[in-house]
C-alpha atoms as a PDB file:
ATOM      1  CA  MET A   1     -51.569  70.759 -23.707  1.00  0.00           C
ATOM      2  CA  ALA A   2     -52.111  69.178 -20.567  1.00  0.00           C
ATOM      3  CA  ARG A   3     -49.383  68.706 -18.252  1.00  0.00           C
ATOM      4  CA  ARG A   4     -48.587  65.288 -16.093  1.00  0.00           C
ATOM      5  CA  PRO A   5     -49.544  65.281 -13.136  1.00  0.00           C
ATOM      6  CA  LYS A   6     -46.538  65.215 -10.454  1.00  0.00           C
ATOM      7  CA  SER A   7     -45.778  62.439  -8.992  1.00  0.00           C
ATOM      8  CA  SER A   8     -46.112  61.860  -4.958  1.00  0.00           C
ATOM      9  CA  ILE A   9     -43.310  59.413  -5.036  1.00  0.00           C
ATOM     10  CA  PRO A  10     -40.439  61.647  -3.792  1.00  0.00           C
ATOM     11  CA  ARG A  11     -37.306  61.623  -6.694  1.00  0.00           C
ATOM     12  CA  TYR A  12     -34.705  60.137  -4.318  1.00  0.00           C
ATOM     13  CA  LYS A  13     -37.105  56.778  -4.085  1.00  0.00           C
ATOM     14  CA  ARG A  14     -38.010  56.714  -7.771  1.00  0.00           C
ATOM     15  CA  LYS A  15     -36.549  53.574  -9.902  1.00  0.00           C
ATOM     16  CA  THR A  16     -35.434  54.352 -12.702  1.00  0.00           C
ATOM     17  CA  ARG A  17     -34.702  51.655 -15.678  1.00  0.00           C
ATOM     18  CA  ARG A  18     -30.956  52.139 -16.840  1.00  0.00           C
ATOM     19  CA  PRO A  19     -30.102  51.591 -20.936  1.00  0.00           C
ATOM     20  CA  LEU A  20     -29.858  48.057 -21.787  1.00  0.00           C
ATOM     21  CA  LEU A  21     -25.976  48.396 -22.688  1.00  0.00           C
ATOM     22  CA  ARG A  22     -24.937  49.666 -18.934  1.00  0.00           C
ATOM     23  CA  ARG A  23     -26.726  46.450 -18.113  1.00  0.00           C
ATOM     24  CA  ILE A  24     -25.238  44.518 -20.340  1.00  0.00           C
ATOM     25  CA  VAL A  25     -21.276  45.937 -19.365  1.00  0.00           C
ATOM     26  CA  GLY A  26     -22.339  46.017 -15.425  1.00  0.00           C
ATOM     27  CA  TRP A  27     -23.126  41.976 -15.904  1.00  0.00           C
ATOM     28  CA  ILE A  28     -19.709  41.465 -17.665  1.00  0.00           C
ATOM     29  CA  VAL A  29     -17.534  43.131 -14.845  1.00  0.00           C
ATOM     30  CA  LYS A  30     -19.942  41.277 -12.509  1.00  0.00           C
ATOM     31  CA  ILE A  31     -18.480  37.834 -14.173  1.00  0.00           C
ATOM     32  CA  LEU A  32     -15.276  39.356 -14.515  1.00  0.00           C
ATOM     33  CA  VAL A  33     -14.618  39.975 -10.784  1.00  0.00           C
ATOM     34  CA  ALA A  34     -16.575  36.515 -10.097  1.00  0.00           C
ATOM     35  CA  LEU A  35     -13.827  34.562 -12.350  1.00  0.00           C
ATOM     36  CA  ILE A  36     -10.905  36.601 -11.249  1.00  0.00           C
ATOM     37  CA  LEU A  37     -12.015  35.783  -7.352  1.00  0.00           C
ATOM     38  CA  LEU A  38     -12.375  32.437  -8.447  1.00  0.00           C
ATOM     39  CA  SER A  39      -9.396  31.911  -9.291  1.00  0.00           C
ATOM     40  CA  VAL A  40      -7.389  33.160  -7.099  1.00  0.00           C
ATOM     41  CA  LEU A  41      -9.307  31.225  -4.818  1.00  0.00           C
ATOM     42  CA  TRP A  42      -8.294  28.182  -6.695  1.00  0.00           C
ATOM     43  CA  VAL A  43      -4.876  29.010  -6.824  1.00  0.00           C
ATOM     44  CA  LEU A  44      -4.324  29.565  -3.578  1.00  0.00           C
ATOM     45  CA  ALA A  45      -6.285  25.949  -2.609  1.00  0.00           C
ATOM     46  CA  TYR A  46      -3.657  24.329  -4.757  1.00  0.00           C
ATOM     47  CA  ARG A  47      -0.854  25.721  -3.087  1.00  0.00           C
ATOM     48  CA  PHE A  48      -1.946  23.665  -0.055  1.00  0.00           C
ATOM     49  CA  VAL A  49      -3.992  20.628  -1.767  1.00  0.00           C
ATOM     50  CA  ASN A  50      -2.311  18.524  -4.658  1.00  0.00           C
ATOM     51  CA  PRO A  51      -4.560  18.763  -8.015  1.00  0.00           C
ATOM     52  CA  PRO A  52      -6.502  15.487  -7.467  1.00  0.00           C
ATOM     53  CA  ILE A  53      -7.338  15.636 -11.452  1.00  0.00           C
ATOM     54  CA  THR A  54      -6.579  17.658 -14.329  1.00  0.00           C
ATOM     55  CA  ALA A  55      -8.217  18.083 -18.036  1.00  0.00           C
ATOM     56  CA  THR A  56      -5.443  16.274 -19.893  1.00  0.00           C
ATOM     57  CA  MET A  57      -6.155  13.049 -17.440  1.00  0.00           C
ATOM     58  CA  ILE A  58      -9.703  13.208 -18.038  1.00  0.00           C
ATOM     59  CA  SER A  59      -9.610  13.571 -21.603  1.00  0.00           C
ATOM     60  CA  ASP A  60      -6.746  10.299 -21.672  1.00  0.00           C
ATOM     61  CA  MET A  61      -9.767   8.790 -19.339  1.00  0.00           C
ATOM     62  CA  ILE A  62     -12.410   9.258 -22.108  1.00  0.00           C
ATOM     63  CA  ALA A  63     -10.203   8.260 -24.452  1.00  0.00           C
ATOM     64  CA  GLY A  64      -9.631   4.928 -22.773  1.00  0.00           C
ATOM     65  CA  ARG A  65      -5.954   5.249 -21.949  1.00  0.00           C
ATOM     66  CA  GLY A  66      -5.849   5.599 -18.077  1.00  0.00           C
ATOM     67  CA  ALA A  67      -4.407   8.417 -16.011  1.00  0.00           C
ATOM     68  CA  HIS A  68      -1.725   6.687 -12.970  1.00  0.00           C
ATOM     69  CA  ARG A  69       0.058   9.166 -11.253  1.00  0.00           C
ATOM     70  CA  GLU A  70       2.096   8.460  -7.810  1.00  0.00           C
ATOM     71  CA  TRP A  71       2.578  12.118  -6.016  1.00  0.00           C
ATOM     72  CA  MET A  72       5.746  12.418  -4.734  1.00  0.00           C
ATOM     73  CA  PRO A  73       7.295  15.363  -2.708  1.00  0.00           C
ATOM     74  CA  ILE A  74       9.728  17.789  -4.299  1.00  0.00           C
ATOM     75  CA  GLY A  75      11.702  17.071  -1.052  1.00  0.00           C
ATOM     76  CA  GLN A  76      11.977  13.743  -2.207  1.00  0.00           C
ATOM     77  CA  VAL A  77      12.986  13.829  -5.851  1.00  0.00           C
ATOM     78  CA  ASP A  78      16.734  12.990  -6.911  1.00  0.00           C
ATOM     79  CA  ARG A  79      17.995  16.549  -7.715  1.00  0.00           C
ATOM     80  CA  ASP A  80      19.302  15.164 -10.885  1.00  0.00           C
ATOM     81  CA  MET A  81      15.883  15.054 -12.394  1.00  0.00           C
ATOM     82  CA  VAL A  82      15.054  18.738 -11.249  1.00  0.00           C
ATOM     83  CA  ARG A  83      18.233  19.937 -12.742  1.00  0.00           C
ATOM     84  CA  ALA A  84      17.155  17.211 -15.976  1.00  0.00           C
ATOM     85  CA  ALA A  85      13.724  19.600 -16.374  1.00  0.00           C
ATOM     86  CA  ILE A  86      15.648  22.797 -16.068  1.00  0.00           C
ATOM     87  CA  ALA A  87      18.104  21.833 -18.298  1.00  0.00           C
ATOM     88  CA  ALA A  88      15.410  20.393 -21.129  1.00  0.00           C
ATOM     89  CA  GLU A  89      12.698  23.155 -20.370  1.00  0.00           C
ATOM     90  CA  ASP A  90      13.545  26.285 -18.682  1.00  0.00           C
ATOM     91  CA  SER A  91      17.480  27.164 -17.642  1.00  0.00           C
ATOM     92  CA  LYS A  92      16.078  30.535 -16.668  1.00  0.00           C
ATOM     93  CA  PHE A  93      13.508  28.980 -14.083  1.00  0.00           C
ATOM     94  CA  CYS A  94      14.788  30.854 -11.353  1.00  0.00           C
ATOM     95  CA  SER A  95      15.365  33.801 -12.484  1.00  0.00           C
ATOM     96  CA  HIS A  96      12.406  34.568 -14.612  1.00  0.00           C
ATOM     97  CA  LYS A  97       9.143  36.021 -13.225  1.00  0.00           C
ATOM     98  CA  GLY A  98       6.984  33.032 -14.807  1.00  0.00           C
ATOM     99  CA  PHE A  99       7.964  34.634 -18.918  1.00  0.00           C
ATOM    100  CA  ASP A 100      11.116  34.265 -20.549  1.00  0.00           C
ATOM    101  CA  MET A 101      10.757  37.348 -23.422  1.00  0.00           C
ATOM    102  CA  HIS A 102      13.785  36.179 -25.033  1.00  0.00           C
ATOM    103  CA  ALA A 103      12.242  32.783 -25.630  1.00  0.00           C
ATOM    104  CA  ILE A 104       9.503  33.982 -26.751  1.00  0.00           C
ATOM    105  CA  GLU A 105      10.761  36.482 -29.231  1.00  0.00           C
ATOM    106  CA  ASP A 106      13.008  33.733 -30.722  1.00  0.00           C
ATOM    107  CA  ALA A 107      10.014  31.230 -30.655  1.00  0.00           C
ATOM    108  CA  MET A 108       8.352  33.887 -32.581  1.00  0.00           C
ATOM    109  CA  LYS A 109      10.600  34.571 -35.274  1.00  0.00           C
ATOM    110  CA  ARG A 110      11.305  30.730 -35.830  1.00  0.00           C
ATOM    111  CA  ASN A 111       7.505  30.443 -36.338  1.00  0.00           C
ATOM    112  CA  ALA A 112       7.677  33.475 -38.536  1.00  0.00           C
ATOM    113  CA  SER A 113      10.174  31.588 -40.786  1.00  0.00           C
ATOM    114  CA  GLY A 114       8.100  28.621 -41.595  1.00  0.00           C
ATOM    115  CA  GLY A 115       8.346  25.177 -40.201  1.00  0.00           C
ATOM    116  CA  ARG A 116       7.330  23.656 -37.658  1.00  0.00           C
ATOM    117  CA  ILE A 117       5.266  25.646 -35.022  1.00  0.00           C
ATOM    118  CA  ARG A 118       7.333  25.768 -30.815  1.00  0.00           C
ATOM    119  CA  GLY A 119       6.065  27.935 -28.084  1.00  0.00           C
ATOM    120  CA  GLY A 120       8.728  29.831 -25.427  1.00  0.00           C
ATOM    121  CA  SER A 121       6.516  28.226 -22.654  1.00  0.00           C
ATOM    122  CA  THR A 122       8.723  28.056 -19.824  1.00  0.00           C
ATOM    123  CA  ILE A 123       7.930  25.808 -16.788  1.00  0.00           C
ATOM    124  CA  SER A 124       5.786  27.954 -14.655  1.00  0.00           C
ATOM    125  CA  GLN A 125       3.416  28.340 -17.971  1.00  0.00           C
ATOM    126  CA  GLN A 126       3.684  24.767 -18.824  1.00  0.00           C
ATOM    127  CA  THR A 127       2.639  24.141 -14.993  1.00  0.00           C
ATOM    128  CA  ALA A 128      -0.336  26.627 -15.172  1.00  0.00           C
ATOM    129  CA  LYS A 129      -1.670  25.406 -18.184  1.00  0.00           C
ATOM    130  CA  ASN A 130      -1.479  21.352 -16.669  1.00  0.00           C
ATOM    131  CA  ALA A 131      -2.819  22.012 -13.218  1.00  0.00           C
ATOM    132  CA  PHE A 132      -5.226  24.922 -14.155  1.00  0.00           C
ATOM    133  CA  LEU A 133      -6.634  24.477 -18.408  1.00  0.00           C
ATOM    134  CA  TRP A 134      -6.509  22.755 -21.122  1.00  0.00           C
ATOM    135  CA  GLN A 135      -4.001  21.355 -24.651  1.00  0.00           C
ATOM    136  CA  ASN A 136      -4.698  23.474 -27.358  1.00  0.00           C
ATOM    137  CA  GLY A 137      -7.093  26.365 -27.133  1.00  0.00           C
ATOM    138  CA  GLY A 138      -5.367  28.604 -29.254  1.00  0.00           C
ATOM    139  CA  TYR A 139      -5.200  32.597 -27.863  1.00  0.00           C
ATOM    140  CA  ALA A 140      -7.417  32.336 -25.273  1.00  0.00           C
ATOM    141  CA  ARG A 141      -6.217  29.932 -23.652  1.00  0.00           C
ATOM    142  CA  LYS A 142      -2.757  31.408 -23.629  1.00  0.00           C
ATOM    143  CA  ALA A 143      -4.469  34.437 -22.482  1.00  0.00           C
ATOM    144  CA  ALA A 144      -6.212  32.456 -19.394  1.00  0.00           C
ATOM    145  CA  GLU A 145      -2.244  30.225 -19.252  1.00  0.00           C
ATOM    146  CA  ALA A 146      -0.600  34.124 -18.749  1.00  0.00           C
ATOM    147  CA  TRP A 147      -3.053  34.822 -15.773  1.00  0.00           C
ATOM    148  CA  PHE A 148      -2.813  31.878 -13.999  1.00  0.00           C
ATOM    149  CA  THR A 149       1.272  31.724 -14.514  1.00  0.00           C
ATOM    150  CA  PHE A 150       1.387  35.360 -12.462  1.00  0.00           C
ATOM    151  CA  LEU A 151      -1.504  33.899  -9.882  1.00  0.00           C
ATOM    152  CA  ILE A 152       0.847  31.221  -9.508  1.00  0.00           C
ATOM    153  CA  GLU A 153       4.207  32.979  -9.261  1.00  0.00           C
ATOM    154  CA  HIS A 154       3.084  35.058  -6.965  1.00  0.00           C
ATOM    155  CA  LEU A 155       0.830  32.966  -4.832  1.00  0.00           C
ATOM    156  CA  TRP A 156       3.051  30.176  -5.026  1.00  0.00           C
ATOM    157  CA  GLY A 157       7.082  30.270  -5.338  1.00  0.00           C
ATOM    158  CA  LYS A 158       9.482  28.313  -7.225  1.00  0.00           C
ATOM    159  CA  ARG A 159       9.610  25.584  -4.849  1.00  0.00           C
ATOM    160  CA  ARG A 160       5.697  24.473  -4.994  1.00  0.00           C
ATOM    161  CA  ILE A 161       5.899  25.362  -8.783  1.00  0.00           C
ATOM    162  CA  MET A 162       8.340  22.544  -9.724  1.00  0.00           C
ATOM    163  CA  GLU A 163       7.316  20.689  -7.490  1.00  0.00           C
ATOM    164  CA  VAL A 164       3.327  19.997  -9.099  1.00  0.00           C
ATOM    165  CA  TYR A 165       5.285  20.290 -13.081  1.00  0.00           C
ATOM    166  CA  LEU A 166       7.020  17.156 -11.915  1.00  0.00           C
ATOM    167  CA  ASN A 167       3.793  15.595 -10.915  1.00  0.00           C
ATOM    168  CA  LEU A 168       1.562  17.237 -13.798  1.00  0.00           C
ATOM    169  CA  ALA A 169       3.552  16.565 -16.518  1.00  0.00           C
ATOM    170  CA  GLU A 170       3.062  13.845 -19.016  1.00  0.00           C
ATOM    171  CA  THR A 171       5.989  11.238 -19.523  1.00  0.00           C
ATOM    172  CA  GLY A 172       4.269   8.759 -21.401  1.00  0.00           C
ATOM    173  CA  ILE A 173       0.702   7.168 -22.721  1.00  0.00           C
ATOM    174  CA  GLY A 174      -1.700   7.681 -19.803  1.00  0.00           C
ATOM    175  CA  THR A 175       1.611   8.102 -17.552  1.00  0.00           C
ATOM    176  CA  TYR A 176       1.894  11.379 -15.291  1.00  0.00           C
ATOM    177  CA  GLY A 177       4.680  13.011 -13.169  1.00  0.00           C
ATOM    178  CA  VAL A 178       8.124  12.165 -13.084  1.00  0.00           C
ATOM    179  CA  ASN A 179       7.763   9.423 -10.508  1.00  0.00           C
ATOM    180  CA  ALA A 180       5.525   7.419 -12.650  1.00  0.00           C
ATOM    181  CA  GLY A 181       7.252   7.872 -15.406  1.00  0.00           C
ATOM    182  CA  SER A 182      10.520   6.323 -13.577  1.00  0.00           C
ATOM    183  CA  GLN A 183       8.513   3.714 -12.423  1.00  0.00           C
ATOM    184  CA  ARG A 184       6.995   2.703 -15.561  1.00  0.00           C
ATOM    185  CA  TYR A 185       9.801   2.822 -17.653  1.00  0.00           C
ATOM    186  CA  TYR A 186      12.962   1.527 -14.475  1.00  0.00           C
ATOM    187  CA  GLY A 187      10.934  -0.176 -12.295  1.00  0.00           C
ATOM    188  CA  HIS A 188      11.903   2.098  -9.106  1.00  0.00           C
ATOM    189  CA  ASP A 189      10.691   5.460  -7.876  1.00  0.00           C
ATOM    190  CA  ALA A 190      12.151   8.703  -8.820  1.00  0.00           C
ATOM    191  CA  SER A 191      14.337   9.304  -5.260  1.00  0.00           C
ATOM    192  CA  ALA A 192      16.902   7.318  -6.959  1.00  0.00           C
ATOM    193  CA  MET A 193      18.011   8.219 -10.512  1.00  0.00           C
ATOM    194  CA  THR A 194      20.817   8.241 -12.895  1.00  0.00           C
ATOM    195  CA  ALA A 195      21.623  11.689 -14.495  1.00  0.00           C
ATOM    196  CA  LEU A 196      20.541   9.545 -17.548  1.00  0.00           C
ATOM    197  CA  GLU A 197      17.775   7.844 -16.575  1.00  0.00           C
ATOM    198  CA  ALA A 198      16.460  11.303 -15.493  1.00  0.00           C
ATOM    199  CA  ALA A 199      17.568  13.012 -18.760  1.00  0.00           C
ATOM    200  CA  ARG A 200      15.688  10.181 -20.733  1.00  0.00           C
ATOM    201  CA  ILE A 201      12.384  11.210 -19.129  1.00  0.00           C
ATOM    202  CA  ALA A 202      12.744  14.839 -19.581  1.00  0.00           C
ATOM    203  CA  ALA A 203      14.021  14.142 -23.244  1.00  0.00           C
ATOM    204  CA  VAL A 204      10.347  12.517 -23.484  1.00  0.00           C
ATOM    205  CA  LEU A 205       8.190  15.278 -21.550  1.00  0.00           C
ATOM    206  CA  PRO A 206       8.058  17.412 -25.067  1.00  0.00           C
ATOM    207  CA  LEU A 207       6.039  14.644 -27.117  1.00  0.00           C
ATOM    208  CA  PRO A 208       5.302  11.973 -24.216  1.00  0.00           C
ATOM    209  CA  LYS A 209       2.599   9.986 -26.425  1.00  0.00           C
ATOM    210  CA  GLU A 210       5.124   9.629 -28.997  1.00  0.00           C
ATOM    211  CA  ARG A 211       8.558   9.205 -27.816  1.00  0.00           C
ATOM    212  CA  GLY A 212      10.328   6.771 -25.206  1.00  0.00           C
ATOM    213  CA  ALA A 213      12.657   6.907 -22.607  1.00  0.00           C
ATOM    214  CA  ILE A 214      13.530   3.098 -22.519  1.00  0.00           C
ATOM    215  CA  ALA A 215      16.221   2.273 -25.542  1.00  0.00           C
ATOM    216  CA  PRO A 216      15.359   5.692 -27.294  1.00  0.00           C
ATOM    217  CA  ARG A 217      16.220   5.808 -31.070  1.00  0.00           C
ATOM    218  CA  GLY A 218      16.888   8.759 -33.111  1.00  0.00           C
ATOM    219  CA  PHE A 219      16.585  12.547 -32.011  1.00  0.00           C
ATOM    220  CA  THR A 220      15.177  11.171 -28.103  1.00  0.00           C
ATOM    221  CA  ARG A 221      17.987   9.627 -27.937  1.00  0.00           C
ATOM    222  CA  ARG A 222      20.214  12.198 -28.749  1.00  0.00           C
ATOM    223  CA  TYR A 223      18.347  14.816 -26.579  1.00  0.00           C
ATOM    224  CA  GLY A 224      18.360  12.635 -23.676  1.00  0.00           C
ATOM    225  CA  ASN A 225      22.599  12.244 -23.746  1.00  0.00           C
ATOM    226  CA  THR A 226      22.285  16.397 -24.820  1.00  0.00           C
ATOM    227  CA  ILE A 227      20.365  16.853 -21.301  1.00  0.00           C
ATOM    228  CA  ALA A 228      22.665  14.572 -19.570  1.00  0.00           C
ATOM    229  CA  ALA A 229      25.616  16.789 -20.339  1.00  0.00           C
ATOM    230  CA  ARG A 230      23.855  19.966 -19.379  1.00  0.00           C
ATOM    231  CA  ILE A 231      22.845  18.436 -15.638  1.00  0.00           C
ATOM    232  CA  PRO A 232      26.490  19.213 -14.565  1.00  0.00           C
ATOM    233  CA  ILE A 233      25.638  22.839 -16.004  1.00  0.00           C
ATOM    234  CA  VAL A 234      22.863  23.198 -13.888  1.00  0.00           C
ATOM    235  CA  ALA A 235      24.797  21.969 -10.621  1.00  0.00           C
ATOM    236  CA  ARG A 236      27.609  24.423 -11.724  1.00  0.00           C
ATOM    237  CA  ASP A 237      25.975  27.560 -12.201  1.00  0.00           C
ATOM    238  CA  GLY A 238      23.366  26.914  -9.323  1.00  0.00           C
ATOM    239  CA  LEU A 239      20.497  27.058 -11.720  1.00  0.00           C
ATOM    240  CA  ASP A 240      18.491  25.526  -9.531  1.00  0.00           C
ATOM    241  CA  SER A 241      19.383  26.898  -6.335  1.00  0.00           C
ATOM    242  CA  CYS A 242      15.853  28.950  -5.908  1.00  0.00           C
ATOM    243  CA  LEU A 243      14.326  25.469  -5.391  1.00  0.00           C
ATOM    244  CA  TYR A 244      16.990  24.722  -2.173  1.00  0.00           C
ATOM    245  CA  ALA A 245      17.302  27.781  -0.195  1.00  0.00           C
ATOM    246  CA  GLY A 246      16.050  27.029   3.111  1.00  0.00           C
ATOM    247  CA  ALA A 247      15.346  23.592   2.291  1.00  0.00           C
ATOM    248  CA  VAL A 248      17.195  20.208   2.278  1.00  0.00           C
ATOM    249  CA  ALA A 249      17.210  18.358  -0.929  1.00  0.00           C
ATOM    250  CA  ALA A 250      16.806  14.759  -1.664  1.00  0.00           C
ATOM    251  CA  PRO A 251      20.140  12.695  -0.873  1.00  0.00           C
ATOM    252  CA  LYS A 252      21.432  11.118  -3.886  1.00  0.00           C
ATOM    253  CA  LYS A 253      21.830   7.931  -3.723  1.00  0.00           C
ATOM    254  CA  ALA A 254      22.140   5.009  -6.352  1.00  0.00           C
ATOM    255  CA  PRO A 255      19.143   3.466  -7.997  1.00  0.00           C
ATOM    256  CA  PRO A 256      17.899  -0.058  -6.693  1.00  0.00           C
ATOM    257  CA  PRO A 257      18.634  -3.180  -8.686  1.00  0.00           C
ATOM    258  CA  VAL A 258      16.224  -4.036 -10.830  1.00  0.00           C
ATOM    259  CA  ALA A 259      14.897  -7.427 -12.561  1.00  0.00           C
ATOM    260  CA  LYS A 260      15.351  -6.816 -16.276  1.00  0.00           C
ATOM    261  CA  VAL A 261      12.061  -7.869 -17.853  1.00  0.00           C
ATOM    262  CA  PRO A 262      10.544  -7.074 -20.752  1.00  0.00           C
ATOM    263  CA  ARG A 263       8.364  -3.396 -20.606  1.00  0.00           C
ATOM    264  CA  PRO A 264       6.246  -1.811 -22.872  1.00  0.00           C
ATOM    265  CA  GLN A 265       8.399   1.095 -24.968  1.00  0.00           C
ATOM    266  CA  PRO A 266       5.814   3.520 -25.921  1.00  0.00           C
ATOM    267  CA  GLY A 267       6.893   5.998 -28.660  1.00  0.00           C
ATOM    268  CA  ALA A 268       9.588   3.027 -29.304  1.00  0.00           C
ATOM    269  CA  ASP A 269       8.189   2.020 -32.759  1.00  0.00           C
ATOM    270  CA  TYR A 270       7.195   5.575 -33.860  1.00  0.00           C
ATOM    271  CA  GLU A 271      11.056   6.830 -34.505  1.00  0.00           C
ATOM    272  CA  ALA A 272      11.643   3.367 -36.110  1.00  0.00           C
ATOM    273  CA  SER A 273       8.705   3.424 -38.166  1.00  0.00           C
ATOM    274  CA  ARG A 274       9.621   6.864 -39.873  1.00  0.00           C
ATOM    275  CA  THR A 275      11.425   5.954 -43.390  1.00  0.00           C
ATOM    276  CA  ALA A 276      14.367   7.225 -44.349  1.00  0.00           C
ATOM    277  CA  PRO A 277      14.365  10.417 -46.361  1.00  0.00           C
ATOM    278  CA  PRO A 278      14.785   9.905 -50.441  1.00  0.00           C
ATOM    279  CA  VAL A 279      18.211  10.405 -51.300  1.00  0.00           C
ATOM    280  CA  VAL A 280      18.581  13.665 -53.424  1.00  0.00           C
ATOM    281  CA  ASN A 281      20.880  13.528 -56.328  1.00  0.00           C
ATOM    282  CA  ALA A 282      22.108  10.144 -56.165  1.00  0.00           C
ATOM    283  CA  ALA A 283      24.228   8.310 -58.570  1.00  0.00           C
ATOM    284  CA  PRO A 284      22.493   6.031 -60.500  1.00  0.00           C
ATOM    285  CA  PRO A 285      22.982   1.659 -60.060  1.00  0.00           C
ATOM    286  CA  PRO A 286      25.812   0.253 -62.058  1.00  0.00           C
ATOM    287  CA  PRO A 287      24.640  -1.332 -64.979  1.00  0.00           C
ATOM    288  CA  ARG A 288      23.404  -5.056 -64.401  1.00  0.00           C
ATOM    289  CA  ALA A 289      25.988  -7.791 -66.227  1.00  0.00           C
ATOM    290  CA  PRO A 290      23.965  -9.602 -68.722  1.00  0.00           C
ATOM    291  CA  SER A 291      24.722 -13.121 -67.194  1.00  0.00           C
ATOM    292  CA  GLU A 292      23.485 -11.805 -63.562  1.00  0.00           C
ATOM    293  CA  PRO A 293      20.213 -13.262 -63.126  1.00  0.00           C
ATOM    294  CA  GLU A 294      17.221 -10.345 -62.501  1.00  0.00           C
ATOM    295  CA  VAL A 295      16.615 -10.367 -58.700  1.00  0.00           C
ATOM    296  CA  VAL A 296      13.074  -9.506 -57.978  1.00  0.00           C
ATOM    297  CA  ASN A 297      12.317  -7.567 -55.025  1.00  0.00           C
ATOM    298  CA  GLU A 298       9.158  -9.264 -52.831  1.00  0.00           C
ATOM    299  CA  PRO A 299       6.879  -6.979 -51.624  1.00  0.00           C
ATOM    300  CA  GLN A 300       7.523  -5.742 -47.904  1.00  0.00           C
ATOM    301  CA  PRO A 301       4.583  -5.109 -45.452  1.00  0.00           C
ATOM    302  CA  ALA A 302       3.361  -1.324 -45.094  1.00  0.00           C
ATOM    303  CA  LEU A 303       4.436   0.081 -41.982  1.00  0.00           C
ATOM    304  CA  PRO A 304       2.039   1.386 -39.107  1.00  0.00           C
ATOM    305  CA  ASN A 305       1.199   4.669 -39.262  1.00  0.00           C
ATOM    306  CA  PRO A 306       2.895   7.036 -36.422  1.00  0.00           C
ATOM    307  CA  PRO A 307       0.649   8.055 -33.678  1.00  0.00           C
ATOM    308  CA  ALA A 308      -1.522  11.574 -33.482  1.00  0.00           C
ATOM    309  CA  SER A 309       0.991  14.082 -32.257  1.00  0.00           C
ATOM    310  CA  ASP A 310      -0.340  15.696 -28.411  1.00  0.00           C
ATOM    311  CA  ASN A 311       0.359  19.181 -29.362  1.00  0.00           C
ATOM    312  CA  SER A 312       2.415  19.732 -26.131  1.00  0.00           C
ATOM    313  CA  LEU A 313       4.098  22.506 -27.310  1.00  0.00           C
ATOM    314  CA  GLN A 314       1.420  24.464 -28.509  1.00  0.00           C
END
């Protein structure tokens, strides 16, 4: 059998073609490294630059709802509003590193037992989702949310996280941030708020497209009152102390007098449109006397269907 002629090119200069699988793995590794570097640079940029727009805002603008926001530094936001957010959304905000494992475990137990699906997201997780990601998305978005939560906890710090959260959280249909929400509902900015005003905006945060802070009804009203009662507890226990260490809080002042004019109430008609549940095992009505004329009920107009949920708890 004839031997192949030896190549005149030294072995160390010869080009060898790697197997296809190794090349694919190499490209995947390069893409992952590039994504990690881009995400780190993105987070670092938002430490100093306010996020100009979010995926949720873009979705609202495409749907024709608009996206109104009035950025306010945390040093100007009324401290009761900050405390209301902590009381409503994340009482361990200053003590955890981005994830509240007990809340996540409790949420998993509740979800496994059936009923409405609820999450165990912290304010840090919600900020990461609002600033860098999108609503819904399942496990892929949750994984990305965990990564961005880790980054903002280590590259931003608690004060910047809270500032971005208070300015990006949806507070109404097409309304973003507590400052824009306060202007919409109460006619003044968020630098001076009563505890009840702050609590009612915090009560709107989980379902901003279905709840309103003006004359709320049902659950929203009760939940707002509960948050208002928790605000002094947050102050007493120093649950917001990490936000003001070495920084000056906004001075407490009374909200300015505002003329009472009719304002839109997004969500107020939602809870009112819910029909009362049927009474189980109710006693039958008493028999009508023979001489009593029969009353014929006039047909009532159908109530409007409630708006679709924005799945903000997912």
